[in-house]
PDB file of N, CA and C in Angstrom:
ATOM      1  N   MET A   1      -0.964  25.027  11.504  1.00  0.00           N
ATOM      2  CA  MET A   1      -1.634  23.366  11.201  1.00  0.00           C
ATOM      3  C   MET A   1      -0.916  23.285  11.787  1.00  0.00           C
ATOM      4  N   SER A   2      -1.029  22.006  12.910  1.00  0.00           N
ATOM      5  CA  SER A   2      -0.013  21.472  13.654  1.00  0.00           C
ATOM      6  C   SER A   2       0.573  20.244  13.544  1.00  0.00           C
ATOM      7  N   MET A   3       1.905  19.432  13.636  1.00  0.00           N
ATOM      8  CA  MET A   3       2.506  18.508  12.990  1.00  0.00           C
ATOM      9  C   MET A   3       2.058  17.524  13.554  1.00  0.00           C
ATOM     10  N   GLY A   4       0.686  17.532  13.713  1.00  0.00           N
ATOM     11  CA  GLY A   4       0.675  15.857  14.062  1.00  0.00           C
ATOM     12  C   GLY A   4      -0.613  15.847  12.632  1.00  0.00           C
ATOM     13  N   HIS A   5      -1.325  17.173  12.115  1.00  0.00           N
ATOM     14  CA  HIS A   5      -2.817  17.018  11.564  1.00  0.00           C
ATOM     15  C   HIS A   5      -1.896  17.340   9.885  1.00  0.00           C
ATOM     16  N   HIS A   6      -0.733  17.748  10.057  1.00  0.00           N
ATOM     17  CA  HIS A   6       0.180  17.661   8.369  1.00  0.00           C
ATOM     18  C   HIS A   6       0.680  16.133   8.856  1.00  0.00           C
ATOM     19  N   SER A   7       0.822  15.571   9.054  1.00  0.00           N
ATOM     20  CA  SER A   7       1.493  14.140   9.066  1.00  0.00           C
ATOM     21  C   SER A   7       0.179  13.082   8.801  1.00  0.00           C
ATOM     22  N   LYS A   8      -1.090  13.707   9.235  1.00  0.00           N
ATOM     23  CA  LYS A   8      -2.025  12.844   8.787  1.00  0.00           C
ATOM     24  C   LYS A   8      -2.562  13.581   7.533  1.00  0.00           C
ATOM     25  N   LEU A   9      -2.437  14.406   6.874  1.00  0.00           N
ATOM     26  CA  LEU A   9      -3.102  14.802   5.602  1.00  0.00           C
ATOM     27  C   LEU A   9      -1.813  14.254   4.604  1.00  0.00           C
ATOM     28  N   GLN A  10      -0.484  13.813   5.025  1.00  0.00           N
ATOM     29  CA  GLN A  10       0.752  13.680   3.997  1.00  0.00           C
ATOM     30  C   GLN A  10       0.891  12.184   4.019  1.00  0.00           C
ATOM     31  N   LYS A  11       0.002  11.196   5.085  1.00  0.00           N
ATOM     32  CA  LYS A  11      -0.506   9.898   4.941  1.00  0.00           C
ATOM     33  C   LYS A  11      -1.611   9.866   3.912  1.00  0.00           C
ATOM     34  N   LYS A  12      -2.477  10.325   4.298  1.00  0.00           N
ATOM     35  CA  LYS A  12      -3.588  10.401   3.471  1.00  0.00           C
ATOM     36  C   LYS A  12      -3.763  10.687   2.454  1.00  0.00           C
ATOM     37  N   LEU A  13      -2.632  12.157   1.653  1.00  0.00           N
ATOM     38  CA  LEU A  13      -2.388  11.706   0.692  1.00  0.00           C
ATOM     39  C   LEU A  13      -1.569  10.820  -0.556  1.00  0.00           C
ATOM     40  N   GLU A  14      -0.508  10.313   0.475  1.00  0.00           N
ATOM     41  CA  GLU A  14       0.697   8.750  -0.149  1.00  0.00           C
ATOM     42  C   GLU A  14      -0.794   8.338  -0.412  1.00  0.00           C
ATOM     43  N   LEU A  15      -1.968   7.785   0.533  1.00  0.00           N
ATOM     44  CA  LEU A  15      -2.494   6.560   0.730  1.00  0.00           C
ATOM     45  C   LEU A  15      -3.270   6.995  -1.010  1.00  0.00           C
ATOM     46  N   TYR A  16      -4.403   7.778  -1.307  1.00  0.00           N
ATOM     47  CA  TYR A  16      -4.356   8.841  -2.738  1.00  0.00           C
ATOM     48  C   TYR A  16      -3.645   8.179  -3.486  1.00  0.00           C
ATOM     49  N   ALA A  17      -2.331   8.322  -3.533  1.00  0.00           N
ATOM     50  CA  ALA A  17      -1.490   8.402  -4.630  1.00  0.00           C
ATOM     51  C   ALA A  17      -1.401   6.796  -5.208  1.00  0.00           C
ATOM     52  N   LYS A  18      -1.181   5.821  -4.330  1.00  0.00           N
ATOM     53  CA  LYS A  18      -1.010   5.083  -4.265  1.00  0.00           C
ATOM     54  C   LYS A  18      -2.457   3.959  -4.646  1.00  0.00           C
ATOM     55  N   LEU A  19      -3.617   4.571  -4.244  1.00  0.00           N
ATOM     56  CA  LEU A  19      -4.854   3.703  -4.602  1.00  0.00           C
ATOM     57  C   LEU A  19      -4.728   4.234  -6.399  1.00  0.00           C
ATOM     58  N   ALA A  20      -4.826   5.603  -6.447  1.00  0.00           N
ATOM     59  CA  ALA A  20      -4.811   5.812  -8.358  1.00  0.00           C
ATOM     60  C   ALA A  20      -3.729   5.051  -8.925  1.00  0.00           C
ATOM     61  N   VAL A  21      -2.500   4.584  -8.545  1.00  0.00           N
ATOM     62  CA  VAL A  21      -1.568   3.942  -9.617  1.00  0.00           C
ATOM     63  C   VAL A  21      -2.418   2.382  -9.696  1.00  0.00           C
ATOM     64  N   ALA A  22      -2.956   2.053  -8.145  1.00  0.00           N
ATOM     65  CA  ALA A  22      -3.486   0.851  -8.874  1.00  0.00           C
ATOM     66  C   ALA A  22      -4.862   0.641  -9.337  1.00  0.00           C
ATOM     67  N   GLN A  23      -5.377   2.230  -9.161  1.00  0.00           N
ATOM     68  CA  GLN A  23      -7.065   2.176  -9.924  1.00  0.00           C
ATOM     69  C   GLN A  23      -6.282   1.772 -11.865  1.00  0.00           C
ATOM     70  N   ALA A  24      -5.045   2.943 -11.782  1.00  0.00           N
ATOM     71  CA  ALA A  24      -4.143   2.410 -13.239  1.00  0.00           C
ATOM     72  C   ALA A  24      -4.071   1.116 -13.791  1.00  0.00           C
ATOM     73  N   GLU A  25      -3.254   0.537 -13.054  1.00  0.00           N
ATOM     74  CA  GLU A  25      -2.889  -0.517 -12.880  1.00  0.00           C
ATOM     75  C   GLU A  25      -3.804  -1.659 -14.121  1.00  0.00           C
ATOM     76  N   ARG A  26      -5.290  -1.157 -12.672  1.00  0.00           N
ATOM     77  CA  ARG A  26      -6.471  -2.342 -12.563  1.00  0.00           C
ATOM     78  C   ARG A  26      -7.061  -2.155 -14.182  1.00  0.00           C
ATOM     79  N   ALA A  27      -7.177  -1.122 -14.212  1.00  0.00           N
ATOM     80  CA  ALA A  27      -7.813  -0.684 -16.259  1.00  0.00           C
ATOM     81  C   ALA A  27      -6.693  -0.970 -17.347  1.00  0.00           C
ATOM     82  N   ALA A  28      -5.440  -1.228 -16.530  1.00  0.00           N
ATOM     83  CA  ALA A  28      -4.510  -1.812 -17.858  1.00  0.00           C
ATOM     84  C   ALA A  28      -4.745  -3.122 -17.707  1.00  0.00           C
ATOM     85  N   GLY A  29      -5.341  -3.727 -17.784  1.00  0.00           N
ATOM     86  CA  GLY A  29      -5.648  -4.913 -17.177  1.00  0.00           C
ATOM     87  C   GLY A  29      -4.780  -5.839 -15.576  1.00  0.00           C
ATOM     88  N   GLU A  30      -4.153  -5.355 -15.033  1.00  0.00           N
ATOM     89  CA  GLU A  30      -3.331  -5.858 -14.266  1.00  0.00           C
ATOM     90  C   GLU A  30      -4.183  -6.877 -13.243  1.00  0.00           C
ATOM     91  N   LYS A  31      -3.821  -7.833 -12.977  1.00  0.00           N
ATOM     92  CA  LYS A  31      -4.590  -8.563 -11.813  1.00  0.00           C
ATOM     93  C   LYS A  31      -4.333  -8.358 -10.577  1.00  0.00           C
ATOM     94  N   GLY A  32      -3.113  -7.853 -10.129  1.00  0.00           N
ATOM     95  CA  GLY A  32      -2.911  -7.839  -8.902  1.00  0.00           C
ATOM     96  C   GLY A  32      -2.695  -9.090  -8.268  1.00  0.00           C
ATOM     97  N   ARG A  33      -2.122  -9.463  -6.898  1.00  0.00           N
ATOM     98  CA  ARG A  33      -2.226 -10.300  -6.609  1.00  0.00           C
ATOM     99  C   ARG A  33      -3.195 -10.981  -5.293  1.00  0.00           C
ATOM    100  N   MET A  34      -2.993 -12.673  -5.144  1.00  0.00           N
ATOM    101  CA  MET A  34      -4.341 -12.792  -4.362  1.00  0.00           C
ATOM    102  C   MET A  34      -3.775 -12.858  -2.699  1.00  0.00           C
ATOM    103  N   LEU A  35      -4.817 -12.833  -1.564  1.00  0.00           N
ATOM    104  CA  LEU A  35      -3.914 -12.526  -0.442  1.00  0.00           C
ATOM    105  C   LEU A  35      -3.593 -13.158   0.104  1.00  0.00           C
ATOM    106  N   PRO A  36      -3.662 -14.941  -0.184  1.00  0.00           N
ATOM    107  CA  PRO A  36      -3.074 -15.302   0.490  1.00  0.00           C
ATOM    108  C   PRO A  36      -1.277 -15.342   0.088  1.00  0.00           C
ATOM    109  N   GLU A  37      -1.067 -14.828  -1.561  1.00  0.00           N
ATOM    110  CA  GLU A  37       0.092 -14.595  -1.855  1.00  0.00           C
ATOM    111  C   GLU A  37       1.373 -13.942  -1.011  1.00  0.00           C
ATOM    112  N   VAL A  38      -0.050 -12.694  -0.959  1.00  0.00           N
ATOM    113  CA  VAL A  38       0.422 -11.665  -0.212  1.00  0.00           C
ATOM    114  C   VAL A  38       1.105 -12.057   1.455  1.00  0.00           C
ATOM    115  N   MET A  39       0.078 -12.358   2.143  1.00  0.00           N
ATOM    116  CA  MET A  39       0.228 -13.102   3.388  1.00  0.00           C
ATOM    117  C   MET A  39       1.420 -13.417   3.818  1.00  0.00           C
ATOM    118  N   LYS A  40       1.349 -14.537   2.516  1.00  0.00           N
ATOM    119  CA  LYS A  40       2.732 -15.368   2.811  1.00  0.00           C
ATOM    120  C   LYS A  40       4.058 -14.879   2.747  1.00  0.00           C
ATOM    121  N   ASP A  41       4.449 -13.440   1.741  1.00  0.00           N
ATOM    122  CA  ASP A  41       5.513 -12.657   1.309  1.00  0.00           C
ATOM    123  C   ASP A  41       5.409 -12.037   2.947  1.00  0.00           C
ATOM    124  N   ILE A  42       4.224 -11.660   3.376  1.00  0.00           N
ATOM    125  CA  ILE A  42       4.415 -11.006   5.150  1.00  0.00           C
ATOM    126  C   ILE A  42       4.856 -11.758   5.614  1.00  0.00           C
ATOM    127  N   ARG A  43       4.373 -13.062   5.582  1.00  0.00           N
ATOM    128  CA  ARG A  43       5.538 -13.581   7.087  1.00  0.00           C
ATOM    129  C   ARG A  43       6.519 -13.865   7.320  1.00  0.00           C
ATOM    130  N   ARG A  44       7.159 -13.900   5.300  1.00  0.00           N
ATOM    131  CA  ARG A  44       8.545 -14.194   5.410  1.00  0.00           C
ATOM    132  C   ARG A  44       9.308 -12.881   5.948  1.00  0.00           C
ATOM    133  N   ILE A  45       8.579 -11.948   5.914  1.00  0.00           N
ATOM    134  CA  ILE A  45       9.870 -10.381   5.493  1.00  0.00           C
ATOM    135  C   ILE A  45       9.450 -10.576   7.288  1.00  0.00           C
ATOM    136  N   ILE A  46       8.578 -11.030   7.913  1.00  0.00           N
ATOM    137  CA  ILE A  46       8.510 -10.678   9.416  1.00  0.00           C
ATOM    138  C   ILE A  46       8.938 -11.632   9.710  1.00  0.00           C
ATOM    139  N   ARG A  47       9.550 -13.105  10.048  1.00  0.00           N
ATOM    140  CA  ARG A  47      10.241 -14.168   9.771  1.00  0.00           C
ATOM    141  C   ARG A  47      11.623 -13.400   9.761  1.00  0.00           C
ATOM    142  N   ASN A  48      11.938 -12.773   8.948  1.00  0.00           N
ATOM    143  CA  ASN A  48      13.273 -12.527   8.076  1.00  0.00           C
ATOM    144  C   ASN A  48      14.111 -11.385   9.322  1.00  0.00           C
ATOM    145  N   ALA A  49      13.226 -10.705   9.923  1.00  0.00           N
ATOM    146  CA  ALA A  49      13.840  -9.210  10.274  1.00  0.00           C
ATOM    147  C   ALA A  49      13.959  -9.604  11.463  1.00  0.00           C
ATOM    148  N   GLY A  50      13.348 -10.709  11.951  1.00  0.00           N
ATOM    149  CA  GLY A  50      13.546 -11.304  13.790  1.00  0.00           C
ATOM    150  C   GLY A  50      14.934 -11.856  14.282  1.00  0.00           C
TER     151      GLY A  50
END
């Protein structure tokens, strides 16, 4: 297996793990965050990185 293919599979596994956590949180009643709140945080992080 090539390194590129291995890397792609690893990223897919990490994504599935994150999805499993999110699904468990949702099943437990967690509401999550609204998109505008997430975008505000991302913009703040980008501004502070530069």
